[in-house]
Amino acid sequence: MLLLGLLLIGAGALVIVSAVFTAELDGTALEVVGIGVSPLGLFLLGVGAGLAVLWGFGILKYGTKRTLRQRRESKKLEELSEKLEVADRERHRDNDDADHDRR
């Protein structure tokens, strides 16, 4: 998820930066990165790039939250597992002591 978010942000930013720095207007013809584009096409290119950046941030945020939640859960499970092991050892020790008392 994180990688996909970063890729969308990078692609959107690349399109925006390339359109800003390479756009040329020759009379009525508009060129972006050497490709002829209509004004509507340039608008849609900008909207698509903006949406890619926004989706990228959304996916990045979701992926980060999910990763942090998984880390917290994993840490909590490790703590509970350690507590269970300690309790199990104590229970076995108590059973062994009880067996020695019976003899």
N, C-alpha and C. Protein backbone atom coordinates (compact mmCIF):
# COMPACT_ATOMS: atom_id res chain seq x y z
N MET A 1 0.82 -1.19 0.00
CA MET A 1 0.00 0.00 0.00
C MET A 1 0.86 1.26 0.00
N LEU A 2 1.88 1.23 0.84
CA LEU A 2 2.73 2.41 0.92
C LEU A 2 3.41 2.68 -0.41
N LEU A 3 3.88 1.62 -1.05
CA LEU A 3 4.57 1.77 -2.32
C LEU A 3 3.62 2.30 -3.40
N LEU A 4 2.41 1.78 -3.43
CA LEU A 4 1.42 2.24 -4.40
C LEU A 4 1.11 3.72 -4.20
N GLY A 5 0.95 4.13 -2.95
CA GLY A 5 0.69 5.54 -2.65
C GLY A 5 1.84 6.43 -3.10
N LEU A 6 3.05 6.00 -2.82
CA LEU A 6 4.22 6.79 -3.25
C LEU A 6 4.33 6.85 -4.76
N LEU A 7 4.02 5.74 -5.44
CA LEU A 7 4.06 5.74 -6.91
C LEU A 7 3.03 6.69 -7.50
N LEU A 8 1.82 6.70 -6.95
CA LEU A 8 0.78 7.62 -7.45
C LEU A 8 1.17 9.07 -7.21
N ILE A 9 1.71 9.35 -6.04
CA ILE A 9 2.14 10.72 -5.75
C ILE A 9 3.26 11.13 -6.71
N GLY A 10 4.22 10.25 -6.90
CA GLY A 10 5.34 10.55 -7.80
C GLY A 10 4.88 10.75 -9.23
N ALA A 11 3.98 9.89 -9.71
CA ALA A 11 3.49 10.01 -11.08
C ALA A 11 2.71 11.31 -11.27
N GLY A 12 1.84 11.61 -10.33
CA GLY A 12 1.06 12.85 -10.42
C GLY A 12 1.95 14.08 -10.38
N ALA A 13 2.92 14.07 -9.49
CA ALA A 13 3.84 15.20 -9.38
C ALA A 13 4.68 15.33 -10.65
N LEU A 14 5.09 14.21 -11.22
CA LEU A 14 5.88 14.24 -12.45
C LEU A 14 5.08 14.85 -13.60
N VAL A 15 3.83 14.48 -13.71
CA VAL A 15 2.98 15.02 -14.77
C VAL A 15 2.79 16.53 -14.57
N ILE A 16 2.54 16.93 -13.35
CA ILE A 16 2.32 18.36 -13.07
C ILE A 16 3.58 19.16 -13.38
N VAL A 17 4.72 18.69 -12.89
CA VAL A 17 5.98 19.42 -13.10
C VAL A 17 6.34 19.45 -14.58
N SER A 18 6.17 18.33 -15.29
CA SER A 18 6.50 18.33 -16.71
C SER A 18 5.57 19.23 -17.50
N ALA A 19 4.30 19.29 -17.13
CA ALA A 19 3.36 20.17 -17.83
C ALA A 19 3.70 21.64 -17.57
N VAL A 20 4.10 21.96 -16.36
CA VAL A 20 4.42 23.35 -16.04
C VAL A 20 5.68 23.81 -16.77
N PHE A 21 6.70 22.96 -16.82
CA PHE A 21 7.98 23.39 -17.38
C PHE A 21 8.14 23.12 -18.87
N THR A 22 7.30 22.28 -19.48
CA THR A 22 7.49 21.99 -20.90
C THR A 22 6.33 22.47 -21.77
N ALA A 23 5.32 23.05 -21.20
CA ALA A 23 4.18 23.51 -21.99
C ALA A 23 4.61 24.69 -22.86
N GLU A 24 4.28 24.56 -24.16
CA GLU A 24 4.59 25.63 -25.13
C GLU A 24 3.34 25.95 -25.92
N LEU A 25 3.17 27.22 -26.21
CA LEU A 25 2.02 27.66 -26.97
C LEU A 25 2.53 28.27 -28.27
N ASP A 26 2.28 27.60 -29.40
CA ASP A 26 2.65 28.11 -30.73
C ASP A 26 1.37 28.52 -31.44
N GLY A 27 1.06 29.77 -31.37
CA GLY A 27 -0.17 30.26 -31.99
C GLY A 27 -1.37 29.68 -31.27
N THR A 28 -2.04 28.73 -31.92
CA THR A 28 -3.20 28.09 -31.30
C THR A 28 -2.90 26.65 -30.90
N ALA A 29 -1.70 26.16 -31.19
CA ALA A 29 -1.33 24.79 -30.85
C ALA A 29 -0.63 24.76 -29.49
N LEU A 30 -1.03 23.84 -28.66
CA LEU A 30 -0.46 23.70 -27.33
C LEU A 30 0.31 22.39 -27.28
N GLU A 31 1.54 22.45 -26.82
CA GLU A 31 2.38 21.25 -26.73
C GLU A 31 2.86 21.05 -25.29
N VAL A 32 2.78 19.81 -24.83
CA VAL A 32 3.30 19.42 -23.52
C VAL A 32 4.21 18.23 -23.76
N VAL A 33 5.46 18.35 -23.38
CA VAL A 33 6.48 17.33 -23.58
C VAL A 33 6.55 16.93 -25.06
N GLY A 34 6.38 17.91 -25.94
CA GLY A 34 6.48 17.68 -27.37
C GLY A 34 5.26 17.03 -28.00
N ILE A 35 4.19 16.85 -27.23
CA ILE A 35 2.97 16.22 -27.74
C ILE A 35 1.87 17.28 -27.83
N GLY A 36 1.20 17.35 -28.98
CA GLY A 36 0.11 18.31 -29.16
C GLY A 36 -1.08 17.95 -28.28
N VAL A 37 -1.54 18.93 -27.52
CA VAL A 37 -2.64 18.71 -26.59
C VAL A 37 -3.63 19.85 -26.75
N SER A 38 -4.92 19.52 -26.69
CA SER A 38 -5.94 20.55 -26.71
C SER A 38 -6.05 21.17 -25.31
N PRO A 39 -6.66 22.36 -25.23
CA PRO A 39 -6.84 22.95 -23.89
C PRO A 39 -7.64 22.04 -22.95
N LEU A 40 -8.66 21.37 -23.49
CA LEU A 40 -9.43 20.43 -22.67
C LEU A 40 -8.55 19.26 -22.24
N GLY A 41 -7.71 18.79 -23.14
CA GLY A 41 -6.79 17.71 -22.80
C GLY A 41 -5.82 18.11 -21.70
N LEU A 42 -5.33 19.34 -21.75
CA LEU A 42 -4.43 19.83 -20.71
C LEU A 42 -5.16 19.93 -19.38
N PHE A 43 -6.41 20.39 -19.43
CA PHE A 43 -7.21 20.46 -18.21
C PHE A 43 -7.40 19.07 -17.61
N LEU A 44 -7.79 18.11 -18.46
CA LEU A 44 -8.00 16.74 -17.97
C LEU A 44 -6.71 16.11 -17.47
N LEU A 45 -5.60 16.44 -18.12
CA LEU A 45 -4.30 15.96 -17.65
C LEU A 45 -4.00 16.50 -16.25
N GLY A 46 -4.30 17.75 -16.02
CA GLY A 46 -4.11 18.35 -14.69
C GLY A 46 -5.02 17.75 -13.65
N VAL A 47 -6.29 17.54 -14.02
CA VAL A 47 -7.24 16.92 -13.09
C VAL A 47 -6.80 15.51 -12.75
N GLY A 48 -6.38 14.75 -13.75
CA GLY A 48 -5.91 13.38 -13.51
C GLY A 48 -4.68 13.36 -12.61
N ALA A 49 -3.75 14.29 -12.86
CA ALA A 49 -2.54 14.35 -12.03
C ALA A 49 -2.90 14.73 -10.60
N GLY A 50 -3.80 15.68 -10.45
CA GLY A 50 -4.22 16.08 -9.11
C GLY A 50 -4.91 14.94 -8.37
N LEU A 51 -5.78 14.21 -9.08
CA LEU A 51 -6.44 13.05 -8.46
C LEU A 51 -5.44 11.96 -8.08
N ALA A 52 -4.45 11.75 -8.92
CA ALA A 52 -3.42 10.75 -8.61
C ALA A 52 -2.68 11.13 -7.33
N VAL A 53 -2.36 12.41 -7.19
CA VAL A 53 -1.66 12.86 -5.98
C VAL A 53 -2.57 12.69 -4.75
N LEU A 54 -3.83 13.07 -4.87
CA LEU A 54 -4.76 12.93 -3.74
C LEU A 54 -4.98 11.47 -3.38
N TRP A 55 -5.19 10.60 -4.37
CA TRP A 55 -5.36 9.18 -4.10
C TRP A 55 -4.09 8.61 -3.48
N GLY A 56 -2.95 9.07 -3.98
CA GLY A 56 -1.68 8.61 -3.43
C GLY A 56 -1.56 8.94 -1.95
N PHE A 57 -1.92 10.17 -1.59
CA PHE A 57 -1.87 10.55 -0.17
C PHE A 57 -2.86 9.72 0.65
N GLY A 58 -4.05 9.49 0.11
CA GLY A 58 -5.05 8.69 0.82
C GLY A 58 -4.57 7.26 1.04
N ILE A 59 -4.02 6.65 0.00
CA ILE A 59 -3.52 5.29 0.12
C ILE A 59 -2.33 5.23 1.07
N LEU A 60 -1.47 6.23 0.99
CA LEU A 60 -0.31 6.30 1.87
C LEU A 60 -0.76 6.40 3.33
N LYS A 61 -1.75 7.24 3.58
CA LYS A 61 -2.28 7.41 4.94
C LYS A 61 -2.90 6.12 5.44
N TYR A 62 -3.71 5.46 4.60
CA TYR A 62 -4.35 4.20 4.98
C TYR A 62 -3.30 3.12 5.25
N GLY A 63 -2.31 3.03 4.38
CA GLY A 63 -1.25 2.03 4.56
C GLY A 63 -0.45 2.25 5.82
N THR A 64 -0.17 3.51 6.13
CA THR A 64 0.58 3.83 7.34
C THR A 64 -0.22 3.47 8.59
N LYS A 65 -1.50 3.82 8.60
CA LYS A 65 -2.35 3.47 9.74
C LYS A 65 -2.42 1.96 9.93
N ARG A 66 -2.57 1.25 8.82
CA ARG A 66 -2.67 -0.21 8.89
C ARG A 66 -1.38 -0.83 9.42
N THR A 67 -0.24 -0.32 8.95
CA THR A 67 1.05 -0.84 9.40
C THR A 67 1.24 -0.58 10.89
N LEU A 68 0.91 0.62 11.34
CA LEU A 68 1.05 0.95 12.76
C LEU A 68 0.13 0.08 13.61
N ARG A 69 -1.09 -0.14 13.14
CA ARG A 69 -2.04 -0.98 13.88
C ARG A 69 -1.51 -2.42 13.98
N GLN A 70 -0.95 -2.93 12.89
CA GLN A 70 -0.41 -4.29 12.91
C GLN A 70 0.78 -4.39 13.85
N ARG A 71 1.63 -3.35 13.88
CA ARG A 71 2.77 -3.36 14.79
C ARG A 71 2.31 -3.36 16.24
N ARG A 72 1.30 -2.53 16.55
CA ARG A 72 0.77 -2.49 17.91
C ARG A 72 0.19 -3.85 18.31
N GLU A 73 -0.59 -4.45 17.40
CA GLU A 73 -1.18 -5.75 17.69
C GLU A 73 -0.10 -6.81 17.90
N SER A 74 0.92 -6.77 17.06
CA SER A 74 2.01 -7.74 17.18
C SER A 74 2.74 -7.57 18.50
N LYS A 75 2.98 -6.32 18.89
CA LYS A 75 3.66 -6.06 20.16
C LYS A 75 2.80 -6.55 21.33
N LYS A 76 1.50 -6.30 21.26
CA LYS A 76 0.61 -6.73 22.33
C LYS A 76 0.56 -8.26 22.39
N LEU A 77 0.52 -8.92 21.24
CA LEU A 77 0.52 -10.38 21.22
C LEU A 77 1.81 -10.95 21.79
N GLU A 78 2.94 -10.32 21.51
CA GLU A 78 4.20 -10.77 22.07
C GLU A 78 4.20 -10.64 23.59
N GLU A 79 3.67 -9.51 24.10
CA GLU A 79 3.60 -9.32 25.55
C GLU A 79 2.70 -10.37 26.19
N LEU A 80 1.54 -10.62 25.57
CA LEU A 80 0.63 -11.63 26.11
C LEU A 80 1.24 -13.03 26.06
N SER A 81 1.98 -13.30 24.99
CA SER A 81 2.64 -14.59 24.87
C SER A 81 3.69 -14.77 25.97
N GLU A 82 4.45 -13.71 26.24
CA GLU A 82 5.44 -13.77 27.32
C GLU A 82 4.77 -14.00 28.67
N LYS A 83 3.66 -13.29 28.92
CA LYS A 83 2.94 -13.47 30.18
C LYS A 83 2.42 -14.90 30.30
N LEU A 84 1.92 -15.45 29.19
CA LEU A 84 1.40 -16.81 29.19
C LEU A 84 2.52 -17.81 29.47
N GLU A 85 3.69 -17.59 28.88
CA GLU A 85 4.82 -18.48 29.13
C GLU A 85 5.24 -18.44 30.60
N VAL A 86 5.28 -17.24 31.19
CA VAL A 86 5.65 -17.11 32.60
C VAL A 86 4.61 -17.82 33.47
N ALA A 87 3.34 -17.62 33.18
CA ALA A 87 2.28 -18.27 33.97
C ALA A 87 2.35 -19.78 33.80
N ASP A 88 2.64 -20.25 32.60
CA ASP A 88 2.74 -21.68 32.35
C ASP A 88 3.92 -22.29 33.12
N ARG A 89 5.05 -21.59 33.12
CA ARG A 89 6.21 -22.06 33.87
C ARG A 89 5.91 -22.13 35.36
N GLU A 90 5.23 -21.10 35.88
CA GLU A 90 4.87 -21.09 37.30
C GLU A 90 3.90 -22.22 37.64
N ARG A 91 2.97 -22.48 36.74
CA ARG A 91 2.01 -23.54 36.98
C ARG A 91 2.72 -24.90 37.01
N HIS A 92 3.65 -25.10 36.06
CA HIS A 92 4.41 -26.36 36.05
C HIS A 92 5.27 -26.48 37.31
N ARG A 93 5.85 -25.37 37.75
CA ARG A 93 6.67 -25.39 38.96
C ARG A 93 5.79 -25.72 40.16
N ASP A 94 4.59 -25.12 40.23
CA ASP A 94 3.68 -25.43 41.34
C ASP A 94 3.25 -26.90 41.31
N ASN A 95 3.01 -27.44 40.13
CA ASN A 95 2.64 -28.86 40.01
C ASN A 95 3.78 -29.76 40.45
N ASP A 96 5.00 -29.39 40.07
CA ASP A 96 6.17 -30.17 40.48
C ASP A 96 6.35 -30.12 42.00
N ASP A 97 6.15 -28.94 42.60
CA ASP A 97 6.25 -28.81 44.06
C ASP A 97 5.18 -29.65 44.75
N ALA A 98 3.98 -29.66 44.20
CA ALA A 98 2.89 -30.44 44.79
C ALA A 98 3.19 -31.93 44.69
N ASP A 99 3.81 -32.36 43.58
CA ASP A 99 4.19 -33.77 43.43
C ASP A 99 5.25 -34.16 44.46
N HIS A 100 6.21 -33.27 44.74
CA HIS A 100 7.24 -33.56 45.73
C HIS A 100 6.65 -33.62 47.14
N ASP A 101 5.64 -32.79 47.42
CA ASP A 101 5.01 -32.81 48.73
C ASP A 101 4.25 -34.11 48.96
N ARG A 102 3.69 -34.69 47.93
CA ARG A 102 2.92 -35.93 48.03
C ARG A 102 3.83 -37.10 48.35
N ARG A 103 5.04 -37.06 47.90
CA ARG A 103 5.96 -38.18 48.09
C ARG A 103 6.48 -38.15 49.47
